Each structure stands twice: as structure tokens, then as C-alpha cells.
Protein backbone atom coordinates (compact mmCIF):
# COMPACT_ATOMS: atom_id res chain seq x y z
CA MET A 1 109.85 88.09 97.02
CA PHE A 2 110.24 91.85 96.76
CA ALA A 3 111.25 92.97 93.26
CA ASP A 4 111.99 96.59 92.44
CA ARG A 5 113.53 96.24 88.97
CA ALA A 6 112.46 94.41 85.81
CA LYS A 7 113.23 94.47 82.10
CA ILE A 8 110.52 93.81 79.52
CA ILE A 9 109.86 94.19 75.78
CA ILE A 10 106.84 96.22 74.71
CA ARG A 11 105.36 96.67 71.23
CA SER A 12 102.49 98.71 69.88
CA GLY A 13 100.26 97.33 67.13
CA ASN A 14 100.77 97.83 63.40
CA GLY A 15 98.32 100.04 61.57
CA GLY A 16 96.17 98.32 58.98
CA ASP A 17 96.98 98.73 55.28
CA GLY A 18 94.85 100.98 53.13
CA CYS A 19 92.74 99.22 50.54
CA VAL A 20 92.88 99.49 46.73
CA SER A 21 89.34 99.06 45.45
CA PHE A 22 87.04 100.50 42.81
CA ARG A 23 83.31 100.93 42.91
CA ARG A 24 81.58 98.12 41.07
CA GLU A 25 77.82 98.49 40.73
CA LYS A 26 75.30 97.67 38.07
CA TYR A 27 74.64 100.58 35.72
CA VAL A 28 77.65 102.49 37.11
CA ALA A 29 80.40 102.60 34.52
CA ASN A 30 83.98 103.34 35.57
CA GLY A 31 83.22 103.58 39.27
CA GLY A 32 85.75 105.62 41.23
CA PRO A 33 88.14 104.43 43.95
CA ASP A 34 86.45 103.30 47.16
CA GLY A 35 89.30 101.69 49.12
CA GLY A 36 88.92 102.23 52.85
CA ASP A 37 91.60 103.19 55.38
CA GLY A 38 93.36 100.73 57.64
CA GLY A 39 92.59 100.77 61.36
CA LYS A 40 94.94 102.17 64.00
CA GLY A 41 97.23 99.77 65.84
CA GLY A 42 96.78 99.23 69.57
CA ASP A 43 98.66 101.42 72.07
CA VAL A 44 100.89 100.25 74.93
CA ILE A 45 99.50 101.91 78.06
CA PHE A 46 100.94 101.86 81.58
CA GLU A 47 98.62 102.36 84.53
CA VAL A 48 99.24 102.72 88.27
CA ASP A 49 97.48 100.08 90.38
CA GLU A 50 97.28 100.93 94.09
CA GLY A 51 97.01 97.22 94.89
CA LEU A 52 100.56 96.56 93.68
CA ASN A 53 103.73 97.27 95.64
CA THR A 54 106.39 95.25 93.78
CA LEU A 55 107.39 94.43 90.20
CA SER A 56 107.46 90.69 90.86
CA ASP A 57 104.78 89.93 88.23
CA PHE A 58 107.23 90.92 85.52
CA ARG A 59 109.57 88.09 86.46
CA HIS A 60 107.21 85.62 84.80
CA ARG A 61 106.36 87.48 81.59
CA ARG A 62 108.73 89.56 79.47
CA LYS A 63 106.80 90.47 76.31
CA TYR A 64 103.78 92.76 76.15
CA PHE A 65 102.38 93.35 72.64
CA ALA A 66 99.33 95.37 71.63
CA GLN A 67 97.10 94.09 68.83
CA ASN A 68 97.61 94.85 65.15
CA ALA A 69 94.81 96.60 63.26
CA ASP A 70 92.82 95.22 60.33
CA PRO A 71 93.24 96.57 56.79
CA GLY A 72 90.64 98.74 55.11
CA SER A 73 88.20 97.20 52.68
CA LYS A 74 86.02 98.16 49.72
CA ARG A 75 83.11 100.59 49.94
CA ASN A 76 85.22 103.01 51.99
CA ARG A 77 85.14 100.77 55.05
CA THR A 78 87.81 101.43 57.68
CA GLY A 79 89.57 98.46 59.23
CA LYS A 80 89.04 97.57 62.88
CA SER A 81 91.57 99.20 65.22
CA GLY A 82 93.82 96.96 67.31
CA ASP A 83 93.14 96.52 71.02
CA ASP A 84 95.38 98.41 73.44
CA ILE A 85 97.42 96.54 76.02
CA ILE A 86 97.30 97.95 79.56
CA ILE A 87 100.26 97.17 81.82
CA LYS A 88 99.69 97.78 85.53
CA VAL A 89 102.56 98.89 87.78
CA PRO A 90 102.96 100.10 91.37
CA LYS A 91 102.97 103.78 92.24
CA GLY A 92 106.51 105.14 91.99
CA THR A 93 107.58 103.07 88.96
CA LEU A 94 110.01 104.67 86.52
CA ILE A 95 109.85 103.49 82.90
CA LYS A 96 113.21 103.83 81.14
CA GLU A 97 114.50 103.01 77.66
CA ALA A 98 116.81 100.09 78.40
CA SER A 99 119.85 100.88 76.26
CA SER A 100 120.15 104.57 77.17
CA ASP A 101 118.68 104.36 80.71
CA LYS A 102 116.71 107.55 79.92
CA VAL A 103 113.33 108.17 81.57
CA ILE A 104 110.23 107.72 79.40
CA ALA A 105 107.69 108.17 82.18
CA ASP A 106 107.47 108.50 85.96
CA MET A 107 104.34 106.76 87.24
CA HIS A 108 104.38 108.77 90.45
CA ASP A 109 100.69 109.26 91.14
CA LEU A 110 97.72 107.05 91.89
CA ASN A 111 95.25 106.60 89.00
CA MET A 112 97.98 107.76 86.62
CA ARG A 113 97.67 106.41 83.08
CA LYS A 114 100.09 107.06 80.24
CA VAL A 115 100.43 105.93 76.63
CA ILE A 116 104.06 104.88 76.25
CA LEU A 117 103.98 103.57 72.68
CA GLU A 118 101.32 104.67 70.21
CA GLY A 119 100.01 102.17 67.70
CA GLY A 120 100.81 102.66 64.03
CA LYS A 121 98.48 104.84 62.00
CA GLY A 122 96.22 103.15 59.51
CA GLY A 123 97.20 103.47 55.86
CA LEU A 124 95.02 105.59 53.57
CA GLY A 125 92.87 103.82 51.03
CA ASN A 126 93.15 104.68 47.34
CA GLN A 127 90.08 106.94 47.56
CA HIS A 128 92.36 109.62 49.05
CA PHE A 129 94.68 109.74 46.05
CA ALA A 130 92.16 110.43 43.31
CA THR A 131 92.64 113.74 41.50
CA SER A 132 91.18 115.31 38.40
CA ARG A 133 94.15 114.00 36.44
CA MET A 134 94.49 110.62 38.17
CA GLN A 135 90.98 109.34 38.71
CA ALA A 136 91.87 105.69 39.24
CA PRO A 137 94.89 105.45 41.57
CA LYS A 138 96.01 101.85 41.91
CA TYR A 139 97.89 102.27 45.13
CA ALA A 140 97.10 102.82 48.80
CA LYS A 141 99.25 103.64 51.76
CA PRO A 142 100.48 100.76 53.90
CA GLY A 143 99.79 100.90 57.62
CA GLN A 144 102.45 102.40 59.84
CA GLU A 145 104.39 99.84 61.81
CA GLY A 146 104.12 99.77 65.57
CA LEU A 147 107.06 100.61 67.81
CA GLU A 148 109.00 98.00 69.75
CA MET A 149 111.53 98.62 72.49
CA GLU A 150 113.04 97.11 75.58
CA VAL A 151 112.27 99.08 78.72
CA THR A 152 113.48 98.91 82.29
CA LEU A 153 110.93 99.24 85.08
CA GLU A 154 112.40 100.64 88.27
CA LEU A 155 110.42 101.05 91.47
CA LYS A 156 111.49 103.98 93.63
CA VAL A 157 109.68 104.01 96.95
CA ILE A 158 107.69 107.19 97.56
CA ALA A 159 108.18 108.31 101.15
CA ASP A 160 108.70 111.61 102.95
CA VAL A 161 111.57 110.32 105.09
CA GLY A 162 114.27 107.75 104.43
CA LEU A 163 116.06 105.90 107.24
CA VAL A 164 119.69 105.12 106.41
CA GLY A 165 122.45 103.55 108.43
CA TYR A 166 124.74 100.58 108.62
CA PRO A 167 123.22 97.13 109.19
CA ASN A 168 122.05 96.38 112.72
CA VAL A 169 121.93 99.97 114.00
CA GLY A 170 118.19 99.80 114.75
CA LYS A 171 116.39 101.14 111.69
CA SER A 172 113.78 98.39 111.61
CA THR A 173 113.27 98.64 115.37
CA LEU A 174 112.68 102.38 115.10
CA LEU A 175 110.28 101.98 112.18
CA SER A 176 108.19 99.43 114.10
CA ALA A 177 108.16 101.73 117.15
CA ILE A 178 106.98 104.86 115.32
CA SER A 179 104.58 103.44 112.76
CA ASN A 180 102.19 100.68 111.80
CA ALA A 181 104.92 98.79 109.94
CA ASN A 182 105.98 95.33 111.10
CA PRO A 183 109.44 94.77 109.64
CA LYS A 184 111.39 91.61 110.32
CA ILE A 185 113.86 92.29 113.13
CA ALA A 186 116.81 90.16 114.18
CA ASN A 187 120.33 90.60 115.47
CA TYR A 188 122.24 89.89 112.27
CA HIS A 189 123.31 91.91 109.29
CA PHE A 190 121.11 92.43 106.24
CA THR A 191 117.92 91.34 107.97
CA THR A 192 116.15 93.88 105.79
CA LEU A 193 116.46 93.05 102.10
CA ALA A 194 113.62 95.26 100.91
CA PRO A 195 112.40 98.75 101.85
CA ASN A 196 109.72 98.78 104.54
CA LEU A 197 107.18 101.60 104.59
CA GLY A 198 105.48 102.92 107.68
CA VAL A 199 102.97 105.72 108.32
CA VAL A 200 103.73 107.97 111.30
CA ASP A 201 100.70 109.58 112.97
CA LEU A 202 101.24 112.60 115.23
CA GLU A 203 98.69 113.86 117.77
CA ASP A 204 98.66 117.53 116.85
CA ALA A 205 100.56 117.64 113.55
CA LYS A 206 100.41 116.18 110.08
CA GLY A 207 101.75 112.64 109.74
CA PHE A 208 104.31 111.41 107.22
CA ILE A 209 105.58 108.26 105.50
CA VAL A 210 108.90 106.69 106.47
CA ALA A 211 110.92 104.19 104.45
CA ASP A 212 113.48 101.92 106.09
CA ILE A 213 116.18 101.70 103.43
CA PRO A 214 118.18 98.45 103.77
CA GLY A 215 121.66 98.66 105.31
CA LEU A 216 124.41 100.27 103.29
CA ILE A 217 128.04 99.23 103.04
CA GLU A 218 131.15 100.79 101.53
CA GLY A 219 131.04 100.54 97.75
CA ALA A 220 127.24 100.52 97.60
CA SER A 221 127.24 103.39 95.10
CA GLU A 222 129.32 101.22 92.77
CA GLY A 223 126.93 98.32 93.09
CA VAL A 224 128.81 96.42 95.80
CA GLY A 225 126.46 94.10 97.67
CA LEU A 226 122.94 95.24 96.86
CA GLY A 227 124.04 98.86 96.59
CA HIS A 228 122.04 100.16 93.64
CA GLU A 229 119.02 98.10 94.64
CA PHE A 230 118.96 100.05 97.93
CA LEU A 231 120.11 103.50 96.93
CA ARG A 232 117.48 104.17 94.29
CA HIS A 233 114.85 104.41 97.03
CA ILE A 234 116.60 107.42 98.59
CA GLU A 235 115.98 109.60 95.54
CA ARG A 236 112.32 110.38 96.19
CA THR A 237 112.58 111.05 99.93
CA ARG A 238 112.50 114.65 101.15
CA VAL A 239 114.37 114.18 104.45
CA ILE A 240 117.03 111.66 105.44
CA ILE A 241 117.51 110.30 108.96
CA HIS A 242 120.95 108.84 109.68
CA ILE A 243 120.64 106.21 112.41
CA VAL A 244 123.87 105.39 114.21
CA ASP A 245 124.75 103.15 117.11
CA VAL A 246 125.92 105.84 119.53
CA ALA A 247 126.78 103.18 122.15
CA SER A 248 129.13 101.49 119.66
CA THR A 249 127.86 98.07 120.72
CA GLU A 250 129.65 96.49 117.76
CA GLY A 251 132.76 98.63 118.03
CA ARG A 252 131.80 101.01 115.23
CA ASP A 253 132.63 104.73 115.21
CA PRO A 254 129.31 106.59 114.61
CA VAL A 255 131.08 109.69 113.27
CA SER A 256 132.97 107.65 110.66
CA ASP A 257 129.78 105.77 109.79
CA ILE A 258 127.92 108.96 108.90
CA TYR A 259 130.76 110.21 106.70
CA ALA A 260 131.01 106.81 105.00
CA ILE A 261 127.29 106.67 104.24
CA ASN A 262 127.25 110.27 103.02
CA LYS A 263 130.05 109.40 100.62
CA GLU A 264 128.04 106.52 99.19
CA LEU A 265 124.98 108.76 98.81
CA GLU A 266 127.00 111.48 97.10
CA ASP A 267 128.77 109.06 94.78
CA TYR A 268 125.42 107.61 93.73
CA ASP A 269 123.71 110.98 93.20
CA PRO A 270 125.20 114.31 94.36
CA GLY A 271 121.69 115.77 94.52
CA ILE A 272 120.89 113.58 97.53
CA MET A 273 123.28 115.60 99.66
CA LYS A 274 121.08 118.66 99.22
CA LYS A 275 118.30 117.01 101.22
CA PRO A 276 117.93 117.92 104.93
CA MET A 277 119.58 115.32 107.17
CA ILE A 278 118.88 114.46 110.81
CA ILE A 279 121.02 112.21 112.99
CA ALA A 280 119.23 109.74 115.28
CA ALA A 281 121.80 108.71 117.87
CA ASN A 282 120.28 105.34 118.79
CA LYS A 283 120.84 102.91 121.68
CA ILE A 284 121.25 105.52 124.45
CA ASP A 285 119.65 102.95 126.77
CA VAL A 286 122.92 100.99 126.70
CA LEU A 287 125.23 103.99 126.42
CA GLU A 288 127.95 103.73 129.07
CA ASP A 289 130.17 106.55 127.89
CA GLY A 290 128.68 109.82 126.65
CA ASP A 291 131.77 110.71 124.66
CA PHE A 292 130.39 109.41 121.37
CA LEU A 293 127.22 111.48 121.73
CA GLU A 294 129.22 114.63 122.45
CA LEU A 295 131.53 113.89 119.52
CA LEU A 296 128.51 113.56 117.23
CA LYS A 297 127.10 116.90 118.34
CA ALA A 298 130.45 118.66 118.11
CA GLU A 299 131.10 117.28 114.63
CA PHE A 300 127.70 117.69 112.97
CA GLU A 301 125.66 120.40 114.70
CA PRO A 302 127.96 123.12 113.26
CA LYS A 303 127.10 121.60 109.84
CA SER A 304 123.36 122.24 110.51
CA TYR A 305 122.56 118.60 111.32
CA SER A 306 120.11 118.04 114.16
CA VAL A 307 121.41 115.35 116.54
CA CYS A 308 118.59 113.57 118.40
CA PRO A 309 119.53 111.03 121.13
CA ILE A 310 117.01 108.16 121.12
CA SER A 311 116.39 104.61 122.19
CA ALA A 312 114.26 102.75 119.64
CA VAL A 313 113.78 99.97 122.20
CA THR A 314 112.54 102.05 125.18
CA GLY A 315 111.08 104.95 123.18
CA GLU A 316 113.21 107.57 124.93
CA GLY A 317 113.71 110.63 122.72
CA VAL A 318 111.64 109.18 119.84
CA ARG A 319 108.80 111.73 120.20
CA GLU A 320 111.28 114.61 120.03
CA LEU A 321 112.85 113.06 116.90
CA LEU A 322 109.49 112.80 115.14
CA TYR A 323 108.55 116.42 115.83
CA THR A 324 111.98 117.55 114.65
CA VAL A 325 111.32 115.70 111.38
CA ARG A 326 107.84 117.21 111.10
CA ASN A 327 109.21 120.73 111.58
CA VAL A 328 111.76 120.17 108.80
CA LEU A 329 109.10 118.75 106.46
CA ASP A 330 106.89 121.79 107.07
CA LEU A 331 109.61 124.01 105.64
CA LEU A 332 109.89 121.98 102.43
CA PRO A 333 107.65 122.20 99.34
CA GLU A 334 104.82 119.67 99.19
CA GLU A 335 105.35 118.74 95.53
CA PRO A 336 106.46 115.14 95.04
CA ILE A 337 109.86 114.49 93.49
CA VAL A 338 109.13 113.64 89.86
CA PHE A 339 111.64 112.51 87.26
CA GLU A 340 111.28 114.41 83.99
CA GLN A 341 110.90 112.66 80.65
CA GLU A 342 114.21 112.28 78.81
CA PHE A 343 113.35 109.80 76.04
CA PHE A 344 110.52 110.32 73.53
CA PRO A 345 109.67 107.09 71.66
CA GLU A 346 107.76 108.77 68.82
CA VAL A 347 110.87 110.69 67.76
CA HIS A 348 112.49 107.36 66.91
CA ARG A 349 109.66 106.05 64.74
CA PHE A 350 111.21 104.84 61.49
CA ASP A 351 108.09 105.48 59.43
CA ASP A 352 108.30 109.21 60.07
CA GLU A 353 111.14 109.48 57.57
CA PRO A 354 110.10 111.29 54.34
CA PHE A 355 110.99 108.26 52.23
CA THR A 356 112.52 104.79 52.40
CA ILE A 357 114.47 102.87 49.78
CA GLU A 358 114.92 99.12 49.59
CA LYS A 359 116.24 96.85 46.89
CA ASP A 360 113.94 94.05 45.73
CA GLU A 361 116.17 90.99 45.86
CA ASP A 362 113.99 89.09 43.36
CA THR A 363 113.77 91.70 40.58
CA GLY A 364 116.72 93.97 41.42
CA ALA A 365 114.41 97.00 41.34
CA TYR A 366 114.90 99.88 43.78
CA VAL A 367 111.64 100.38 45.70
CA VAL A 368 111.00 103.95 46.93
CA GLU A 369 108.11 104.61 49.34
CA GLY A 370 106.99 107.26 51.81
CA ASP A 371 104.36 109.89 52.58
CA LYS A 372 105.89 112.51 50.30
CA ILE A 373 106.09 110.02 47.44
CA LEU A 374 102.40 109.15 47.73
CA LYS A 375 101.35 112.79 47.84
CA MET A 376 103.50 113.65 44.81
CA LEU A 377 102.04 110.78 42.79
CA GLY A 378 98.53 111.81 43.78
CA TYR A 379 98.69 115.29 42.28
CA THR A 380 101.17 114.86 39.39
CA ASN A 381 100.18 113.90 35.84
CA LEU A 382 103.22 111.94 34.75
CA GLU A 383 101.86 111.48 31.23
CA SER A 384 102.42 115.17 30.47
CA GLU A 385 105.86 116.64 29.77
CA LYS A 386 105.39 119.31 32.41
CA GLY A 387 104.33 116.71 34.97
CA PHE A 388 107.31 114.48 34.23
CA LEU A 389 109.75 117.41 34.58
CA PHE A 390 108.16 118.19 37.94
CA PHE A 391 108.63 114.54 38.91
CA GLN A 392 112.36 114.65 38.03
CA LYS A 393 112.84 117.86 40.00
CA PHE A 394 111.04 116.36 42.99
CA MET A 395 113.32 113.30 43.00
CA LYS A 396 116.47 115.46 42.96
CA GLU A 397 115.45 118.13 45.45
CA ASN A 398 114.38 115.57 48.06
CA GLY A 399 117.68 113.71 47.86
CA ILE A 400 116.10 110.54 46.46
CA ILE A 401 118.41 110.32 43.44
CA ASP A 402 121.48 110.88 45.60
CA ARG A 403 120.38 108.17 48.04
CA LEU A 404 119.69 105.76 45.16
CA LYS A 405 123.19 106.35 43.76
CA GLU A 406 124.70 105.75 47.20
CA MET A 407 122.94 102.39 47.18
CA GLY A 408 124.47 101.50 43.80
CA LEU A 409 121.90 102.73 41.26
CA GLU A 410 123.26 102.67 37.70
CA GLU A 411 121.86 103.61 34.28
CA GLY A 412 119.27 101.12 33.10
CA ASP A 413 118.31 100.01 36.63
CA THR A 414 114.63 99.86 37.51
CA VAL A 415 113.10 102.20 40.08
CA ARG A 416 109.60 101.50 41.44
CA LEU A 417 107.41 104.01 43.29
CA TYR A 418 104.22 102.13 44.21
CA ASP A 419 102.55 101.36 40.83
CA LEU A 420 104.94 103.61 38.86
CA GLU A 421 108.00 101.86 37.42
CA PHE A 422 110.72 103.33 35.20
CA GLU A 423 114.30 102.77 34.08
CA TYR A 424 116.84 105.30 35.31
CA TYR A 425 119.08 107.25 32.92
CA ASP A 426 121.25 110.29 33.65
CA GLU A 427 120.21 113.44 31.88
């Protein structure tokens, strides 16, 4: 079954904790700190696999977690880093943050590889916090937690040309006639439930890729039927071919059909209407009255549409249509349509805050931690009056005291910063 959308949960690995250790050797008195750093957590990496063309594998597995790292150990030994997890997707897959629907990455190119979530950094061992005044630090930095998020994978077919039109107007027949594609063809609506790709080869010109976009209906842009499932594949195409039944074999008005489909395209994404559009007036082999063809030309040629009469069954006019498309493509830039990044996971990493405060439910103490706290403790001698005054000023200027009071801190309550613990009193 073709699948072009999936939702999964990804998580990078936690960094390993730093180690608190002191050198212990015979004949070495008061050995210094030798706690090693924690390893780095594994990354979540997405990679394009040219052997894949659907997202169906993600129907059977929803969680993809990288490995956590090991903690550091004594003798300055760094913990083992966690293994990365590599998730393979088809070319053309968009990775979006699920709740905001913002783009994290566009896997638009073969052999493309991108780190989506970085593993947590390893915590520093206590060897890093030794100073001339604090030669035996009894704390180390914990490893940074990995990132977890739900992402939406969305496959947008990469093709030069998109074929659009109401069901049963001959899109699949045309695709099979002009390319190496073998789409399923039958005389009933919604035969095509997935985009078919075909490669068009021209004798004396550069070829191109065509996508048969499944039949559209009114309300498709609002999700009626399989609207959004179809319309997303239009976004990457550079040229759009409207196929209409010019013979009106089912009683449809081809002029009205084009306007109706254009409305759905514009409602879905106004940018689509900026793409060059060509009208393939199909089924001229059974055309009894030329009025519809003349109406099409009179209505759309003044709007800069090319109207090409064709018969997908007999091949009449098909060669002229293909060279018209090629001429339009030659005037367009070669760069693929790439969706820019809108969501940056690292910005939302909780551990990047300067400090965190939690209340220990067992002891009632307020526990304050963070990079700034560790650095301050590493170079401040709290046993001296000058050092303690610096410590008080640091707590106020960084908003820690204000945050503690917001959380309910009162005089006499205990505040703990790693291995430093004190009772709070207003000055």
C-alpha cells in the first residue's frame, strides 16, 4: 500500500553523567580529583535511501530512540558515547514538528543525511572544577538529557511536471503513453489512489519526470475525499498540465473543470498558481463537436495558457504537447523546490536554561542546578567573607532568589546547590 504520511516519536540519547572521584594511589597523599566526563548521547539521523518510495515502513513502528551514553569513571576516563540511530526515508520526505507543522528538514536529495536531534552532551567530571581555592570539588555535572519530539513525515513527490484533472479524464492513459510508467487504468473514478511517476525521453531534447496526481474533486483543499493526500504532491512540480475531457464524454464542461481545479489548488496553496500551466485537451479522437475545443482556446489562451489538443489513446498531438512542456521547462530555473527549515529543535532544549529549580519532596529543600551554578561554585571560595558576598550577589543578579520566592521560598528554608547547602534568610 502506498503511504505518503506518517507520524513517529524520535528521541536522542542522554549524555552520561560526569564522575566524582579522587586519585587514590600508594604513597600519594590527598590525591586530586580524577573524575572523568560522561559520554555523548546518540544522535537521531535521517538519511535518504534511493531504494524507498513510500513511508509504509513507519506504519509498523512508531518509536525511534538513540542510545544513552555511559557515565564517566575514575582515572579521568570518559564514558562510552551512545550509538546513533539512522532512520531511512525516501527522497522528497519532509520532516515536520507535529504540533506546529513547521519544517525541520527537507530530505530532497539523494545521499542526503541530516542530524535532526543531537544527543545530550556528557557531563563534566569533578576534575574540571578544581581551583586553587577548591582543590577537592565533590560534585560533577550531570549529563544533558536527550531531546524527544513527535514528528510528521510527509512525502512530496519530486517531479518536473504534475498531471491534474478530474477522475477519468485520461491522466493515467497519457502517462503510460508518454513514459515507462505502467499505472493501473480502468473506466471508473479514483482508479489512481497514489501518484505514479514516469520518465519522458525525447529524441533531441532533455527528458523530464511526470507525476500523475490522483483525481481531484471539489473541496479537496479542505480535505474532502483524499484532498490533502493528493495536493501535497503538486507543491514540488515546476509545470502543471491540466487534462480535460474536451469531448465531454461524461457530460462535464471542460472550462468549468479547469476553473474548479484551479480554485482547489489556490485554496490549498496560492503559490501553486504561479507555476506555468498547460491545458491538454484530451479525447479528440471521439470529439464530435469542436465547440468545446474552441471555447477552451478562447477562454484560456488570452490568459497565457497553451491549449494542446491530444488523444492519449491514439497518440495524436501528444508529441506536440511534450515539446511544449519541454520548452516551458527550459525557461525555468533548474534548482529543485526546497522547503526551508522553520523549526530548530536545539532552541527548545530545556537544559540550555542558565539554571533550574526543583523542590525535593522528601526533604523540602529547594534544589538549584545549572551550568552557571557549577561555574560559580568552581571559582568562588565560600569560606571567605568576600567570596560569600560574591555568592549572594550572584544569586540576586541572575534572578535565582526571585524565582525561589515565586516558588514559595521562606526564611529558614533549605537551598541546595550541588554539595553546598544553606538556610535562607533575608538580609
